[in-house]
Amino acid sequence: MTSKGVRVRRASRHFGAFLKLTLGRFLLNRYNVAGENLAVLRRLRPPYLLLANHFTTWDPFLLGCFIPVPVYNVTSDMQFRSAVMRFLLGLVGAIPKTKVVSDLGTVRKILAVVRMGGVVGIYPEGRRSWDGHTSAILFSTAKLVKVLRLPVVIAVMKGGYLSLPRWTRFRRRGRILFDFHLALSAAETRELSAGEVYRRMVDTIEHDEYEFQRSQMLPYRGRRAAERLELALFACPSCRAIGSLASSGRLFGCGRCGYRVRYNAYGFFEPRSGALRFATVRDWNLWQLGFLEEALSSAFARGDSAPVLAERNLLIQVGYRTRPLRRFHYGDMTLFLDRIEFKTLVHGTISFPIAEIAGINVQIQERLEFYFRGMLYRFHSGRRPVCGYLWMNAVEILQRLATGRSSSEAR
């Protein structure tokens, strides 16, 4: 279907029903999923906006099982780089979007879906949470709500992070709840200012997985529960070393000073070697981000020329939006205060000035990617996990320092 020159493929109801009966039922059982306040959905007729917090790779499939009509989800353009996935996502009406980058084409497709009476699904954080707390909500979503003037349903996912954290491939079986709220009526989206709409969205969608767990204390059972946690936690709170942490089974600790904790079945840390510094991934992450910003601010003030971070033997791929990525070079990557350098074995050094990097993000747990002068660059190692989350935060902090912005202003 086209709407004012924009082509939108109508979602296949038959394929959607098939997915709910097969993959949907499988996932609902596998993750022990239930819904709360479902009367909100029964009373509402499309078109409307469906917003949700974002914890797992399966969120759109799990949430879609509760919605009686097809949901046109705004989806990372990474998912469209495979011809097979592009075809399947077309059947469910997915709308491609480049993460953390403004995209007018996406907005036009959303408008086209609304004109044909569809439900648009958006994850307004723009990224999956690394520590179990709702990430900063993009203000652009509030502006979109004002343009569309539609009712806004918010589904708050509880237990998703504890079931499948961003940093791991190993699921745990516990409990996931979707709590539905009519956050804004159509009249309110017309009458309230964009700032008031934004505040209502933030207040409704905000969720802390560990506050929820402290009230529920549900076990989330699974093997290798702490493995790959070093993709999210990169600084040791005992010796302050960066990049020295490693995991095995339920244990997580520092290879430099010996500090070690155990990640228990409830998602909390227990001390194993040394006093317990933080009880949750959330608390540890807040500390390390502050520590990283303080260290980089000091280096920035001194005008240090020394490398900040370095990784050896990485593969760099290039592409653009939904185009398949192609292999470009192997080499070593180094972060300085004003640039990233990628030193290749054959073609010399490629320099990426920090000021010109856009849309930096982490895909598939560890693969750092960003746009630079109209091209997408992705860096990863096939042999070992690389903490793309550390690199992403370091670059974002350096960009703020260069422009004099605070972390709150950057959101």
Protein backbone atom coordinates (compact mmCIF):
# COMPACT_ATOMS: atom_id res chain seq x y z
CA MET A 1 0.00 0.00 0.00
CA THR A 2 1.16 3.56 -0.65
CA SER A 3 0.27 6.68 1.25
CA LYS A 4 1.29 10.08 -0.10
CA GLY A 5 4.11 8.52 -2.10
CA VAL A 6 5.39 6.21 0.68
CA ARG A 7 5.12 2.48 0.07
CA VAL A 8 4.14 0.32 3.04
CA ARG A 9 3.59 -3.41 2.81
CA ARG A 10 0.47 -4.53 4.67
CA ALA A 11 1.23 -7.16 7.29
CA SER A 12 0.00 -10.66 6.47
CA ARG A 13 -2.68 -11.66 8.99
CA HIS A 14 -2.26 -15.33 8.04
CA PHE A 15 1.49 -15.27 8.62
CA GLY A 16 1.00 -13.32 11.85
CA ALA A 17 -1.52 -15.89 13.12
CA PHE A 18 0.87 -18.69 12.17
CA LEU A 19 3.69 -17.02 14.13
CA LYS A 20 1.51 -16.64 17.23
CA LEU A 21 0.45 -20.30 17.11
CA THR A 22 4.01 -21.59 16.64
CA LEU A 23 6.86 -19.31 17.74
CA GLY A 24 4.58 -17.25 19.98
CA ARG A 25 3.25 -20.19 21.98
CA PHE A 26 6.74 -21.67 22.22
CA LEU A 27 8.21 -18.43 23.62
CA LEU A 28 5.32 -17.78 26.01
CA ASN A 29 5.88 -21.21 27.53
CA ARG A 30 9.68 -21.09 27.40
CA TYR A 31 9.84 -17.79 29.28
CA ASN A 32 6.69 -18.26 31.41
CA VAL A 33 5.02 -15.07 30.13
CA ALA A 34 1.74 -13.53 31.30
CA GLY A 35 -0.14 -10.26 30.76
CA GLU A 36 -1.70 -7.81 33.23
CA ASN A 37 -4.42 -5.18 32.65
CA LEU A 38 -5.39 -6.75 29.32
CA ALA A 39 -8.72 -4.90 29.45
CA VAL A 40 -6.80 -1.87 28.16
CA LEU A 41 -6.34 -3.68 24.84
CA ARG A 42 -9.90 -4.96 24.65
CA ARG A 43 -11.34 -1.45 25.00
CA LEU A 44 -9.15 0.10 22.32
CA ARG A 45 -9.49 0.02 18.55
CA PRO A 46 -6.69 0.77 16.06
CA PRO A 47 -4.98 2.92 15.08
CA TYR A 48 -2.87 3.54 18.18
CA LEU A 49 0.78 3.60 19.28
CA LEU A 50 2.18 0.72 21.29
CA LEU A 51 5.30 1.61 23.28
CA ALA A 52 7.34 -0.72 25.49
CA ASN A 53 10.57 -0.95 27.41
CA HIS A 54 13.21 -3.15 25.80
CA PHE A 55 15.10 -5.97 27.51
CA THR A 56 15.31 -9.08 25.30
CA THR A 57 15.76 -10.01 21.65
CA TRP A 58 12.30 -11.62 21.72
CA ASP A 59 10.36 -8.58 22.97
CA PRO A 60 8.37 -7.87 19.75
CA PHE A 61 7.33 -11.53 19.44
CA LEU A 62 6.36 -11.87 23.10
CA LEU A 63 4.45 -8.59 23.17
CA GLY A 64 2.74 -9.29 19.85
CA CYS A 65 1.11 -12.39 21.31
CA PHE A 66 -1.15 -10.14 23.42
CA ILE A 67 -2.18 -7.75 20.63
CA PRO A 68 -5.23 -8.94 18.64
CA VAL A 69 -4.16 -7.18 15.41
CA PRO A 70 -0.84 -7.01 13.54
CA VAL A 71 1.75 -4.64 15.03
CA TYR A 72 3.97 -2.71 12.62
CA ASN A 73 7.14 -2.63 14.72
CA VAL A 74 9.88 -0.10 14.12
CA THR A 75 12.86 -2.45 13.86
CA SER A 76 16.64 -2.05 13.68
CA ASP A 77 17.74 -1.93 10.05
CA MET A 78 20.39 -4.52 10.94
CA GLN A 79 17.64 -7.15 10.82
CA PHE A 80 16.95 -6.32 7.15
CA ARG A 81 20.48 -7.02 5.88
CA SER A 82 19.67 -10.68 5.22
CA ALA A 83 17.41 -11.37 2.22
CA VAL A 84 15.51 -14.05 4.16
CA MET A 85 14.94 -11.81 7.18
CA ARG A 86 13.96 -8.90 4.93
CA PHE A 87 11.26 -11.10 3.36
CA LEU A 88 9.96 -12.40 6.72
CA LEU A 89 9.96 -8.96 8.31
CA GLY A 90 8.08 -7.66 5.30
CA LEU A 91 5.34 -10.23 6.01
CA VAL A 92 4.84 -8.80 9.51
CA GLY A 93 5.04 -5.19 8.33
CA ALA A 94 8.26 -4.26 10.16
CA ILE A 95 9.55 -0.74 9.55
CA PRO A 96 13.37 -0.41 9.31
CA LYS A 97 15.06 2.23 11.46
CA THR A 98 18.72 3.09 11.98
CA LYS A 99 19.38 3.03 15.72
CA VAL A 100 19.93 6.37 17.49
CA VAL A 101 19.90 8.24 14.17
CA SER A 102 17.06 10.52 13.00
CA ASP A 103 15.28 8.99 10.03
CA LEU A 104 12.59 10.94 8.17
CA GLY A 105 11.82 7.93 5.95
CA THR A 106 10.84 5.91 9.01
CA VAL A 107 8.46 8.67 10.16
CA ARG A 108 6.81 8.73 6.75
CA LYS A 109 6.21 4.98 6.87
CA ILE A 110 4.74 5.29 10.36
CA LEU A 111 2.34 7.94 9.08
CA ALA A 112 1.36 5.64 6.21
CA VAL A 113 0.62 2.77 8.63
CA VAL A 114 -1.53 5.07 10.76
CA ARG A 115 -3.51 6.21 7.70
CA MET A 116 -4.39 2.62 6.92
CA GLY A 117 -5.53 2.00 10.51
CA GLY A 118 -2.58 0.00 11.83
CA VAL A 119 -0.93 -0.33 15.24
CA VAL A 120 2.65 1.01 15.34
CA GLY A 121 5.08 -0.56 17.82
CA ILE A 122 7.99 1.55 19.05
CA TYR A 123 10.72 0.97 21.64
CA PRO A 124 11.39 4.60 22.64
CA GLU A 125 14.66 3.88 24.46
CA GLY A 126 16.23 3.18 21.08
CA ARG A 127 18.41 0.48 22.68
CA ARG A 128 18.00 -2.56 24.86
CA SER A 129 18.89 -1.98 28.49
CA TRP A 130 22.32 -3.11 29.69
CA ASP A 131 21.57 -3.07 33.42
CA GLY A 132 17.87 -3.79 33.92
CA HIS A 133 16.68 -0.19 34.22
CA THR A 134 14.77 1.73 31.58
CA SER A 135 17.23 3.71 29.47
CA ALA A 136 16.78 7.36 28.56
CA ILE A 137 13.66 7.86 26.41
CA LEU A 138 14.21 9.64 23.11
CA PHE A 139 12.36 12.99 23.15
CA SER A 140 11.69 12.58 19.43
CA THR A 141 9.08 9.96 20.35
CA ALA A 142 7.06 12.59 22.22
CA LYS A 143 7.22 14.84 19.16
CA LEU A 144 5.97 11.94 17.03
CA VAL A 145 3.08 11.35 19.45
CA LYS A 146 2.09 15.00 19.07
CA VAL A 147 2.11 14.67 15.27
CA LEU A 148 0.07 11.45 15.20
CA ARG A 149 -2.52 12.44 17.87
CA LEU A 150 -3.27 8.80 18.64
CA PRO A 151 -3.89 6.95 21.90
CA VAL A 152 -0.67 5.64 23.41
CA VAL A 153 -0.57 2.20 25.06
CA ILE A 154 2.55 1.42 27.08
CA ALA A 155 3.48 -2.16 27.92
CA VAL A 156 5.89 -2.38 30.85
CA MET A 157 7.90 -5.60 30.67
CA LYS A 158 8.88 -7.01 34.08
CA GLY A 159 11.30 -9.91 34.46
CA GLY A 160 12.61 -9.74 30.90
CA TYR A 161 16.09 -8.58 31.85
CA LEU A 162 16.45 -11.31 34.47
CA SER A 163 15.27 -13.89 31.92
CA LEU A 164 17.67 -12.89 29.12
CA PRO A 165 20.07 -10.04 29.95
CA ARG A 166 21.48 -7.97 27.10
CA TRP A 167 25.00 -9.27 27.72
CA THR A 168 24.38 -13.03 27.49
CA ARG A 169 23.19 -15.73 25.12
CA PHE A 170 22.03 -18.02 27.92
CA ARG A 171 18.38 -17.75 28.95
CA ARG A 172 16.98 -18.34 32.43
CA ARG A 173 13.48 -19.55 33.22
CA GLY A 174 11.61 -17.46 35.74
CA ARG A 175 8.67 -15.17 35.00
CA ILE A 176 7.92 -12.33 32.55
CA LEU A 177 4.94 -10.00 32.93
CA PHE A 178 3.61 -7.40 30.49
CA ASP A 179 1.69 -4.70 32.35
CA PHE A 180 -0.49 -2.65 29.96
CA HIS A 181 -1.38 1.03 30.51
CA LEU A 182 -3.34 3.55 28.48
CA ALA A 183 -0.74 6.25 29.03
CA LEU A 184 -2.33 8.91 26.83
CA SER A 185 -5.73 9.24 25.23
CA ALA A 186 -6.09 10.79 21.77
CA ALA A 187 -7.46 13.95 23.38
CA GLU A 188 -4.46 14.21 25.71
CA THR A 189 -1.99 13.86 22.85
CA ARG A 190 -3.66 16.89 21.25
CA GLU A 191 -4.01 19.01 24.39
CA LEU A 192 -0.73 18.37 26.23
CA SER A 193 2.57 19.93 25.23
CA ALA A 194 5.40 17.77 23.89
CA GLY A 195 7.16 18.17 27.24
CA GLU A 196 4.08 16.98 29.14
CA VAL A 197 3.64 14.04 26.77
CA TYR A 198 7.29 13.13 27.28
CA ARG A 199 6.96 13.27 31.07
CA ARG A 200 3.85 11.05 30.99
CA MET A 201 5.67 8.53 28.81
CA VAL A 202 8.75 8.47 31.04
CA ASP A 203 6.71 8.11 34.24
CA THR A 204 4.67 5.23 32.80
CA ILE A 205 7.41 3.23 31.10
CA GLU A 206 10.12 3.54 33.74
CA HIS A 207 10.99 0.20 35.31
CA ASP A 208 13.82 -1.03 37.52
CA GLU A 209 14.23 -4.79 37.28
CA TYR A 210 15.95 -5.03 40.66
CA GLU A 211 13.27 -3.05 42.50
CA PHE A 212 10.74 -5.42 40.92
CA GLN A 213 12.80 -8.44 41.94
CA ARG A 214 13.24 -7.26 45.52
CA SER A 215 9.44 -7.26 45.86
CA GLN A 216 8.97 -10.62 44.08
CA MET A 217 12.19 -12.61 44.72
CA LEU A 218 11.48 -15.03 41.88
CA PRO A 219 14.24 -17.49 40.94
CA TYR A 220 15.55 -17.26 37.37
CA ARG A 221 17.20 -20.60 36.84
CA GLY A 222 19.78 -21.30 34.19
CA ARG A 223 23.30 -22.54 33.73
CA ARG A 224 26.28 -20.26 33.12
CA ALA A 225 24.31 -17.35 34.54
CA ALA A 226 27.22 -14.90 34.84
CA GLU A 227 28.97 -15.81 31.60
CA ARG A 228 29.71 -12.88 29.27
CA LEU A 229 28.89 -10.34 31.99
CA GLU A 230 32.18 -8.67 31.06
CA LEU A 231 30.35 -7.37 27.97
CA ALA A 232 28.40 -5.06 30.32
CA LEU A 233 30.68 -4.57 33.33
CA PHE A 234 34.15 -3.39 32.38
CA ALA A 235 35.65 -1.73 35.50
CA CYS A 236 36.73 -3.50 38.69
CA PRO A 237 35.37 -1.70 41.77
CA SER A 238 38.22 -3.02 43.88
CA CYS A 239 41.38 -2.11 41.93
CA ARG A 240 39.77 0.23 39.33
CA ALA A 241 41.27 -1.71 36.41
CA ILE A 242 39.38 -1.52 33.12
CA GLY A 243 39.07 -4.64 30.96
CA SER A 244 40.32 -7.07 33.62
CA LEU A 245 36.98 -8.73 34.44
CA ALA A 246 36.02 -12.25 33.32
CA SER A 247 33.21 -14.74 33.97
CA SER A 248 32.78 -18.49 34.38
CA GLY A 249 29.53 -20.24 35.30
CA ARG A 250 28.01 -18.08 38.05
CA LEU A 251 31.32 -16.48 39.04
CA PHE A 252 32.54 -13.08 37.93
CA GLY A 253 35.76 -11.38 38.95
CA CYS A 254 38.93 -9.46 38.29
CA GLY A 255 42.00 -11.17 36.88
CA ARG A 256 44.26 -8.43 38.26
CA CYS A 257 43.35 -8.12 41.95
CA GLY A 258 41.32 -11.31 42.54
CA TYR A 259 38.07 -9.58 43.51
CA ARG A 260 35.21 -12.02 42.82
CA VAL A 261 31.42 -12.29 43.20
CA ARG A 262 28.76 -14.90 42.49
CA TYR A 263 25.66 -14.10 40.40
CA ASN A 264 22.83 -15.96 42.15
CA ALA A 265 19.52 -17.34 40.86
CA TYR A 266 17.72 -14.12 41.86
CA GLY A 267 20.02 -11.90 39.79
CA PHE A 268 21.95 -10.45 42.74
CA PHE A 269 25.66 -10.60 43.54
CA GLU A 270 27.06 -12.47 46.53
CA PRO A 271 30.63 -11.94 47.80
CA ARG A 272 33.24 -14.60 47.07
CA SER A 273 36.57 -12.79 47.44
CA GLY A 274 36.59 -9.36 49.04
CA ALA A 275 33.74 -7.30 50.44
CA LEU A 276 30.62 -6.97 48.30
CA ARG A 277 30.83 -3.60 46.55
CA PHE A 278 27.56 -3.76 44.59
CA ALA A 279 24.54 -6.04 44.91
CA THR A 280 23.24 -5.57 41.36
CA VAL A 281 24.42 -5.09 37.79
CA ARG A 282 22.56 -1.76 37.83
CA ASP A 283 24.49 -0.37 40.80
CA TRP A 284 27.82 -1.59 39.43
CA ASN A 285 27.07 -0.07 36.03
CA LEU A 286 26.15 3.34 37.48
CA TRP A 287 29.44 3.40 39.38
CA GLN A 288 31.57 2.37 36.40
CA LEU A 289 29.98 4.94 34.07
CA GLY A 290 30.71 7.66 36.60
CA PHE A 291 34.25 6.37 37.05
CA LEU A 292 34.81 6.29 33.28
CA GLU A 293 33.48 9.84 32.83
CA GLU A 294 35.67 11.14 35.65
CA ALA A 295 38.78 9.47 34.18
CA LEU A 296 38.11 10.76 30.67
CA SER A 297 37.28 14.25 31.94
CA SER A 298 40.63 14.39 33.73
CA ALA A 299 42.49 13.19 30.62
CA PHE A 300 40.57 15.66 28.46
CA ALA A 301 41.43 18.55 30.78
CA ARG A 302 45.12 17.59 30.64
CA GLY A 303 45.03 17.20 26.87
CA ASP A 304 46.54 13.70 27.03
CA SER A 305 47.82 12.29 23.76
CA ALA A 306 48.12 8.71 25.05
CA PRO A 307 45.66 6.02 23.88
CA VAL A 308 42.52 5.63 25.97
CA LEU A 309 41.52 2.11 24.82
CA ALA A 310 42.95 -0.44 22.42
CA GLU A 311 41.87 -3.75 20.89
CA ARG A 312 43.94 -6.00 18.64
CA ASN A 313 43.00 -8.23 15.71
CA LEU A 314 39.52 -6.96 14.89
CA LEU A 315 37.53 -7.28 11.70
CA ILE A 316 36.02 -4.14 10.22
CA GLN A 317 32.96 -4.41 7.98
CA VAL A 318 31.27 -1.65 6.02
CA GLY A 319 27.74 -1.13 4.73
CA TYR A 320 24.81 1.26 4.85
CA ARG A 321 21.44 0.88 6.58
CA THR A 322 19.75 -2.28 5.23
CA ARG A 323 22.52 -3.20 2.79
CA PRO A 324 24.47 -6.38 3.65
CA LEU A 325 27.82 -5.68 5.31
CA ARG A 326 30.99 -6.56 3.45
CA ARG A 327 34.39 -7.43 4.85
CA PHE A 328 36.76 -4.46 4.69
CA HIS A 329 39.96 -4.90 6.74
CA TYR A 330 41.55 -6.68 9.71
CA GLY A 331 43.64 -4.66 12.14
CA ASP A 332 44.05 -3.00 15.53
CA MET A 333 41.69 -0.34 16.91
CA THR A 334 42.80 2.46 19.26
CA LEU A 335 40.76 5.20 20.91
CA PHE A 336 42.33 8.62 21.52
CA LEU A 337 40.64 11.65 23.04
CA ASP A 338 39.84 13.06 19.60
CA ARG A 339 39.69 10.05 17.27
CA ILE A 340 39.51 6.32 16.71
CA GLU A 341 42.36 4.86 14.68
CA PHE A 342 42.14 1.55 12.89
CA LYS A 343 45.57 0.30 11.82
CA THR A 344 45.32 -2.29 9.04
CA LEU A 345 48.00 -4.74 8.06
CA VAL A 346 48.00 -3.73 4.39
CA HIS A 347 46.27 -0.38 3.87
CA GLY A 348 47.75 1.73 6.66
CA THR A 349 45.79 3.64 9.29
CA ILE A 350 42.20 4.83 8.97
CA SER A 351 41.25 7.72 11.27
CA PHE A 352 37.72 8.46 12.53
CA PRO A 353 37.52 11.89 14.25
CA ILE A 354 35.25 11.65 17.32
CA ALA A 355 33.28 14.72 16.24
CA GLU A 356 32.26 13.02 12.96
CA ILE A 357 31.09 9.71 14.45
CA ALA A 358 27.28 9.34 14.51
CA GLY A 359 24.82 6.71 15.68
CA ILE A 360 27.34 4.72 17.71
CA ASN A 361 25.76 1.55 19.00
CA VAL A 362 26.39 -2.07 19.98
CA GLN A 363 24.77 -4.86 18.00
CA ILE A 364 24.55 -8.56 18.91
CA GLN A 365 25.95 -7.97 22.42
CA GLU A 366 29.49 -6.99 21.44
CA ARG A 367 29.77 -5.58 17.90
CA LEU A 368 30.53 -1.88 17.90
CA GLU A 369 29.20 0.08 14.95
CA PHE A 370 28.81 3.70 13.93
CA TYR A 371 28.24 5.92 10.92
CA PHE A 372 31.10 7.98 9.53
CA ARG A 373 30.79 10.19 6.46
CA GLY A 374 27.76 8.35 5.11
CA MET A 375 29.00 4.78 5.69
CA LEU A 376 28.35 2.25 8.45
CA TYR A 377 31.43 0.70 10.08
CA ARG A 378 31.24 -2.37 12.31
CA PHE A 379 34.09 -3.73 14.43
CA HIS A 380 34.22 -7.14 16.11
CA SER A 381 36.39 -10.12 16.93
CA GLY A 382 35.26 -13.63 16.11
CA ARG A 383 37.65 -15.23 18.62
CA ARG A 384 36.89 -13.43 21.90
CA PRO A 385 34.28 -11.08 23.36
CA VAL A 386 35.10 -7.38 23.03
CA CYS A 387 33.26 -4.91 25.28
CA GLY A 388 31.60 -2.71 22.69
CA TYR A 389 29.58 -1.17 25.55
CA LEU A 390 32.81 0.29 27.00
CA TRP A 391 33.82 1.77 23.64
CA MET A 392 30.34 3.17 22.99
CA ASN A 393 30.21 4.94 26.35
CA ALA A 394 33.78 6.23 26.03
CA VAL A 395 33.04 7.77 22.63
CA GLU A 396 29.76 9.31 23.80
CA ILE A 397 31.50 10.82 26.85
CA LEU A 398 34.28 12.27 24.69
CA GLN A 399 31.71 13.75 22.31
CA ARG A 400 29.97 15.44 25.25
CA LEU A 401 33.26 16.75 26.62
CA ALA A 402 34.19 18.19 23.23
CA THR A 403 30.89 20.08 23.00
CA GLY A 404 30.63 21.01 26.68
CA ARG A 405 27.38 19.10 27.20
CA SER A 406 26.42 17.25 30.37
CA SER A 407 25.22 13.65 30.32
CA SER A 408 21.63 14.79 31.07
CA GLU A 409 21.69 17.28 28.16
CA ALA A 410 22.91 14.53 25.81
CA ARG A 411 19.73 12.56 26.46
